[in-house]
Protein backbone atom coordinates (compact mmCIF):
# COMPACT_ATOMS: atom_id res chain seq x y z
CA MET A 1 -0.23 0.14 0.05
CA LYS A 2 1.08 3.25 -1.01
CA VAL A 3 0.32 6.95 -1.20
CA TYR A 4 0.40 8.26 -4.75
CA ILE A 5 1.34 12.13 -5.05
CA ILE A 6 -0.28 13.58 -8.24
CA HIS A 7 1.09 16.78 -9.08
CA GLU A 8 3.60 18.81 -11.69
CA ASN A 9 5.88 20.87 -9.37
CA ASP A 10 8.97 18.92 -7.41
CA ASP A 11 9.40 21.98 -5.27
CA TRP A 12 6.23 22.17 -3.56
CA THR A 13 5.70 18.10 -3.03
CA LEU A 14 9.26 17.85 -1.72
CA PRO A 15 8.24 18.70 2.07
CA LEU A 16 5.40 16.27 1.78
CA LYS A 17 7.78 13.36 0.86
CA LEU A 18 10.25 14.40 3.81
CA GLU A 19 7.51 14.01 5.92
CA LEU A 20 6.15 10.87 4.65
CA GLN A 21 9.73 9.47 5.22
CA LYS A 22 9.88 10.21 8.80
CA ILE A 23 7.02 8.77 9.44
CA GLY A 24 7.85 5.48 7.24
CA VAL A 25 4.86 6.03 4.93
CA ASN A 26 5.29 4.54 1.38
CA PHE A 27 4.58 6.83 -1.73
CA GLU A 28 5.18 6.89 -5.10
CA ASP A 29 5.43 10.39 -7.15
CA TRP A 30 3.33 10.84 -9.68
CA HIS A 31 4.12 14.21 -11.60
CA VAL A 32 1.81 13.89 -14.54
CA GLU A 33 4.25 15.15 -17.16
CA ASN A 34 7.22 13.20 -16.29
CA THR A 35 5.55 9.71 -15.05
CA TYR A 36 3.83 7.43 -17.61
CA ILE A 37 0.76 6.51 -15.78
CA ASP A 38 -1.10 3.62 -18.01
CA LEU A 39 -4.76 4.26 -18.01
CA GLY A 40 -5.59 1.19 -19.77
CA LYS A 41 -4.84 -0.70 -16.64
CA ILE A 42 -6.08 -1.06 -13.23
CA PRO A 43 -4.65 1.39 -10.81
CA PRO A 44 -2.68 -0.19 -7.81
CA GLN A 45 -4.27 -0.25 -4.50
CA GLY A 46 -3.46 3.05 -2.16
CA VAL A 47 -4.30 6.44 -1.11
CA PHE A 48 -4.37 8.87 -4.22
CA TYR A 49 -3.69 12.77 -3.08
CA ASN A 50 -4.22 15.26 -5.95
CA ARG A 51 -1.84 18.44 -5.67
CA MET A 52 -2.59 19.83 -9.20
CA SER A 53 -2.15 23.64 -9.65
CA ALA A 54 -4.17 26.05 -11.27
CA SER A 55 -0.52 27.99 -12.21
CA SER A 56 0.64 24.77 -13.99
CA HIS A 57 0.89 26.64 -17.16
CA ALA A 58 3.47 29.17 -15.65
CA ARG A 59 5.66 26.27 -15.26
CA GLY A 60 5.02 24.99 -18.73
CA HIS A 61 2.65 22.35 -18.17
CA ARG A 62 -0.39 23.77 -19.95
CA TYR A 63 -2.38 20.70 -19.88
CA ALA A 64 -1.43 19.21 -16.55
CA PRO A 65 -4.81 19.93 -15.08
CA GLU A 66 -6.72 18.27 -18.12
CA PHE A 67 -4.73 15.28 -17.89
CA THR A 68 -5.19 15.27 -14.19
CA SER A 69 -8.86 15.38 -14.49
CA THR A 70 -8.54 12.24 -16.99
CA VAL A 71 -6.30 10.11 -14.00
CA LEU A 72 -9.03 11.18 -11.51
CA ASN A 73 -11.83 9.94 -13.71
CA TRP A 74 -10.10 6.70 -14.21
CA LEU A 75 -9.31 6.35 -10.15
CA LYS A 76 -13.34 6.96 -9.33
CA ASN A 77 -14.06 4.53 -12.03
CA HIS A 78 -11.97 1.79 -10.26
CA LYS A 79 -13.38 3.23 -6.60
CA ARG A 80 -9.66 4.08 -5.33
CA ARG A 81 -9.43 6.47 -2.47
CA VAL A 82 -8.78 10.14 -3.57
CA ILE A 83 -8.05 13.01 -1.82
CA ASN A 84 -9.08 16.34 -3.36
CA ASN A 85 -10.67 14.74 -6.35
CA ASN A 86 -12.22 15.93 -9.43
CA ASN A 87 -14.72 18.36 -7.30
CA ALA A 88 -11.73 20.21 -5.91
CA LEU A 89 -9.49 20.13 -8.66
CA ALA A 90 -12.75 22.10 -10.88
CA LEU A 91 -12.61 24.69 -8.09
CA GLU A 92 -8.64 24.73 -8.06
CA ILE A 93 -8.96 25.95 -11.97
CA SER A 94 -12.25 28.33 -11.78
CA LYS A 95 -12.17 31.10 -9.94
CA SER A 96 -16.18 31.55 -11.07
CA LEU A 97 -16.85 28.20 -10.00
CA GLN A 98 -15.21 28.99 -6.67
CA TYR A 99 -17.32 31.93 -6.16
CA LEU A 100 -20.56 30.34 -6.97
CA LYS A 101 -20.31 27.76 -4.62
CA LEU A 102 -18.89 29.92 -1.95
CA ASN A 103 -21.81 31.92 -2.26
CA GLU A 104 -24.31 28.95 -2.12
CA CYS A 105 -22.92 28.17 1.26
CA GLY A 106 -23.72 31.88 2.40
CA ILE A 107 -20.03 33.04 1.74
CA ARG A 108 -19.49 36.47 0.50
CA THR A 109 -17.15 37.25 -2.19
CA PRO A 110 -15.96 40.15 -4.16
CA ARG A 111 -18.48 41.47 -6.81
CA SER A 112 -17.21 39.87 -10.04
CA ILE A 113 -17.62 40.01 -13.71
CA TYR A 114 -16.39 37.57 -16.00
CA CYS A 115 -15.36 38.68 -19.50
CA ASN A 116 -14.11 36.64 -22.46
CA SER A 117 -12.95 39.30 -24.98
CA LYS A 118 -11.33 42.82 -24.79
CA GLU A 119 -14.51 44.35 -25.78
CA GLN A 120 -16.32 42.89 -22.74
CA ILE A 121 -13.70 44.09 -20.40
CA LEU A 122 -13.88 47.43 -21.09
CA LYS A 123 -17.58 47.39 -21.02
CA ALA A 124 -17.50 45.96 -17.69
CA THR A 125 -15.90 48.78 -16.30
CA LYS A 126 -18.91 51.07 -16.80
CA HIS A 127 -20.35 48.87 -13.47
CA PHE A 128 -17.37 50.15 -11.44
CA SER A 129 -17.12 53.78 -9.87
CA LYS A 130 -14.04 53.02 -7.49
CA PRO A 131 -10.79 51.43 -8.17
CA PHE A 132 -10.94 47.56 -9.47
CA ILE A 133 -8.73 44.42 -10.08
CA THR A 134 -8.16 42.42 -13.04
CA LYS A 135 -7.57 38.50 -12.26
CA HIS A 136 -7.62 35.65 -14.19
CA ASN A 137 -10.23 33.12 -13.82
CA ARG A 138 -7.50 30.19 -13.89
CA ALA A 139 -4.53 31.60 -12.33
CA GLY A 140 -2.92 30.69 -9.08
CA ARG A 141 -0.07 32.52 -7.30
CA GLY A 142 -1.93 35.86 -7.92
CA LEU A 143 -0.92 35.59 -11.34
CA GLY A 144 -2.68 38.37 -13.91
CA VAL A 145 -3.94 40.31 -10.80
CA LYS A 146 -3.34 44.11 -11.47
CA LEU A 147 -5.08 47.15 -10.07
CA PHE A 148 -6.69 50.14 -11.80
CA GLN A 149 -7.91 53.55 -11.05
CA ASN A 150 -10.54 53.98 -13.57
CA LYS A 151 -11.46 52.83 -16.83
CA LYS A 152 -8.84 54.80 -18.82
CA GLU A 153 -5.94 53.11 -16.93
CA LEU A 154 -7.58 49.85 -17.74
CA ASN A 155 -8.00 50.74 -21.41
CA SER A 156 -4.16 51.71 -21.99
CA TYR A 157 -3.38 48.07 -20.42
CA VAL A 158 -5.72 46.15 -22.45
CA ASN A 159 -4.73 47.72 -25.83
CA GLY A 160 -1.31 47.72 -25.19
CA PRO A 161 1.53 45.48 -25.25
CA ASN A 162 1.79 44.16 -21.83
CA PHE A 163 -2.13 42.86 -21.74
CA GLU A 164 -1.86 39.30 -20.22
CA ASN A 165 -5.03 37.03 -21.12
CA SER A 166 -5.78 34.22 -18.89
CA ILE A 167 -5.24 30.94 -20.10
CA ASP A 168 -8.51 30.15 -20.24
CA GLY A 169 -9.52 33.22 -22.11
CA ILE A 170 -11.66 34.57 -18.93
CA ILE A 171 -10.70 37.72 -17.13
CA ILE A 172 -12.24 38.80 -14.04
CA ILE A 173 -13.18 42.42 -13.29
CA GLN A 174 -13.44 42.79 -9.65
CA ASP A 175 -14.16 45.10 -6.70
CA TYR A 176 -10.79 46.07 -5.40
CA ILE A 177 -11.18 45.54 -1.26
CA ASP A 178 -9.16 48.39 0.38
CA SER A 179 -7.80 47.20 3.74
CA ASN A 180 -5.92 48.90 6.27
CA PRO A 181 -3.46 47.41 7.49
CA LYS A 182 -2.61 45.70 3.70
CA VAL A 183 -2.80 42.04 4.77
CA ILE A 184 -4.87 38.89 3.94
CA HIS A 185 -5.63 36.00 6.04
CA ARG A 186 -5.27 32.28 4.58
CA VAL A 187 -7.29 29.72 6.75
CA GLU A 188 -5.61 26.14 6.38
CA PHE A 189 -7.97 23.45 6.57
CA ILE A 190 -6.68 19.50 6.54
CA ASN A 191 -9.41 16.97 6.63
CA SER A 192 -11.87 19.43 5.79
CA LYS A 193 -11.22 20.45 9.49
CA PHE A 194 -9.47 23.96 10.35
CA TYR A 195 -5.89 23.76 11.20
CA TYR A 196 -4.61 27.26 11.22
CA THR A 197 -4.65 30.87 10.02
CA VAL A 198 -1.72 32.74 8.70
CA GLN A 199 -1.66 36.77 8.43
CA VAL A 200 -0.10 37.74 4.88
CA ASP A 201 1.50 40.78 4.41
CA ALA A 202 -0.06 41.84 0.92
CA SER A 203 1.26 45.59 0.93
CA GLU A 204 3.90 45.14 -2.03
CA SER A 205 2.41 42.39 -4.30
CA PHE A 206 -0.93 40.31 -5.18
CA GLU A 207 1.70 37.25 -5.62
CA LEU A 208 1.31 35.76 -2.20
CA CYS A 209 2.04 31.99 -2.31
CA PRO A 210 3.24 31.10 1.17
CA ALA A 211 5.51 28.09 -0.42
CA ASP A 212 9.29 28.11 0.44
CA ALA A 213 10.37 27.84 -3.09
CA CYS A 214 8.33 30.98 -4.17
CA ASN A 215 9.92 33.16 -1.39
CA THR A 216 13.43 33.56 -2.09
CA GLU A 217 13.98 37.34 -0.82
CA ASP A 218 14.34 37.62 2.94
CA LYS A 219 12.43 40.65 3.71
CA PHE A 220 11.40 42.66 6.75
CA CYS A 221 7.89 43.19 6.96
CA PRO A 222 6.64 45.88 9.44
CA THR A 223 2.84 44.77 8.78
CA ASN A 224 3.06 41.39 11.10
CA SER A 225 4.51 41.76 14.43
CA ASP A 226 7.37 39.02 14.01
CA GLY A 227 8.69 41.05 10.86
CA ASN A 228 7.69 37.96 8.66
CA LYS A 229 5.76 38.31 5.69
CA PHE A 230 3.82 35.05 6.99
CA MET A 231 2.74 34.95 10.38
CA ILE A 232 0.24 32.48 11.68
CA LEU A 233 -2.20 33.73 14.24
CA LYS A 234 -2.37 32.14 17.80
CA ASP A 235 -5.75 31.82 19.59
CA TYR A 236 -7.57 32.73 15.88
CA LYS A 237 -11.09 33.10 16.01
CA ASN A 238 -13.65 33.52 12.88
CA SER A 239 -17.02 32.64 12.97
CA GLU A 240 -16.85 31.71 9.34
CA ILE A 241 -14.88 29.04 10.20
CA THR A 242 -17.85 26.48 10.36
CA SER A 243 -19.27 27.88 7.02
CA TYR A 244 -15.83 27.28 5.48
CA GLU A 245 -15.67 23.68 6.81
CA LYS A 246 -19.29 23.44 5.39
CA PHE A 247 -18.28 24.45 2.31
CA LEU A 248 -15.03 21.94 1.88
CA LYS A 249 -17.34 19.30 2.76
CA ILE A 250 -19.99 19.71 0.31
CA ASN A 251 -17.40 20.05 -2.85
CA ASN A 252 -15.25 17.09 -1.61
CA ILE A 253 -12.43 18.98 -0.43
CA GLU A 254 -10.41 17.70 2.11
CA ILE A 255 -6.98 20.00 2.07
CA ALA A 256 -7.11 23.41 0.98
CA GLY A 257 -6.20 27.15 1.99
CA ILE A 258 -8.99 29.61 1.89
CA GLU A 259 -8.11 33.45 1.42
CA TYR A 260 -10.16 36.52 2.58
CA ILE A 261 -9.71 39.95 2.91
CA THR A 262 -11.18 42.50 5.47
CA ASP A 263 -12.31 46.10 4.36
CA ASN A 264 -12.16 48.82 6.32
CA ASN A 265 -15.63 48.24 7.55
CA GLY A 266 -14.81 44.99 9.00
CA VAL A 267 -16.34 43.02 6.43
CA HIS A 268 -14.64 39.85 5.13
CA PHE A 269 -14.70 38.90 1.24
CA THR A 270 -13.39 35.47 0.77
CA TYR A 271 -11.88 35.49 -2.84
CA ASP A 272 -9.71 32.49 -3.42
CA VAL A 273 -9.59 28.53 -2.38
CA ASN A 274 -6.26 26.90 -2.93
CA THR A 275 -6.93 23.05 -3.15
CA ASN A 276 -3.08 22.70 -3.70
CA THR A 277 -2.02 24.69 -0.83
CA ASN A 278 1.54 25.21 0.26
CA TYR A 279 2.95 26.44 3.80
CA ASN A 280 5.73 28.97 4.74
CA SER A 281 8.27 27.16 7.09
CA ILE A 282 9.70 30.34 8.74
CA ALA A 283 6.08 30.90 10.26
CA GLU A 284 5.39 27.42 10.96
CA LYS A 285 8.55 27.01 12.87
CA LYS A 286 7.96 30.06 15.24
CA VAL A 287 4.44 28.38 16.44
CA GLN A 288 5.72 24.72 16.09
CA GLN A 289 2.69 23.97 13.83
CA PHE A 290 3.59 22.00 10.51
CA GLY A 291 1.12 21.63 7.63
CA MET A 292 3.06 19.13 5.53
CA LYS A 293 3.61 16.87 8.65
CA GLN A 294 -0.29 17.11 9.49
CA ILE A 295 -1.16 16.11 5.90
CA ALA A 296 1.34 12.98 6.39
CA PHE A 297 -0.27 11.78 9.43
CA PHE A 298 -3.81 12.25 7.31
CA LEU A 299 -2.48 10.40 4.64
CA LYS A 300 -0.77 7.88 6.86
CA GLU A 301 -4.38 7.16 8.88
CA GLU A 302 -6.16 6.85 5.34
CA LEU A 303 -3.69 4.15 4.33
CA LYS A 304 -4.49 2.20 7.37
CA LYS A 305 -8.47 2.15 6.84
CA ILE A 306 -8.20 0.52 3.62
CA SER A 307 -5.29 -2.08 4.56
């Protein structure tokens, strides 16, 4: 019996592999671009953990999510235990679907308009009187997120040489949620249950991936009391945790990070669901909570159930 890790980024899976080794769990790496997976055969027994990322195209793996979907359908057909199944993958690669499902659970998201052409993008701005952002429907890591003060700025961008379309052709125009201080909160869940919340300094960038491989610069961030860009909050309380857990269970998501921002009136707006979640080692060491270690134990327990 093994754990099979389905992914496309070795840097992001290495911490999990190390934790699995520490507790003696056999695993096999299924990098979907480098591993031959024979879909004509019966899949092996085991636990299959899907870590496919919406930003795979940014690393040259344009069709990795599509192939992963085929693999997950194959596993489902043979009744294998899959963590973060095709429902989770569908939400990972579509902000529009995320917002639809979040709203169904009564979770507030920013006002958003979805566009599939430059003409639609420019027309959508008539609905925004305050600063707004564009973002890609399928992105990850904050790719494609840009702030605009007005339609004139957007027009220059859309018709200029630096325009960057979403890989799926869908651009979102969204209310810019102003906050003070400039932080976001990322709430982490394992086994669809709350694990911890990390506060992230968002004063300099919209690209807020917590993985160590994505944070190569050691910068002091005065917003967080410990000076680190990522700070895990002790004794964190939030009345929306129950709603988040309900959302995850309804949508068959077992491991995820959910991000929200709080406006200047104290209202929370949830804007991203990461089903391929990563953790920041500096922040974790300070509070002695380790996401990948917790996932490794979760996978070990799931293996026991089918052994």
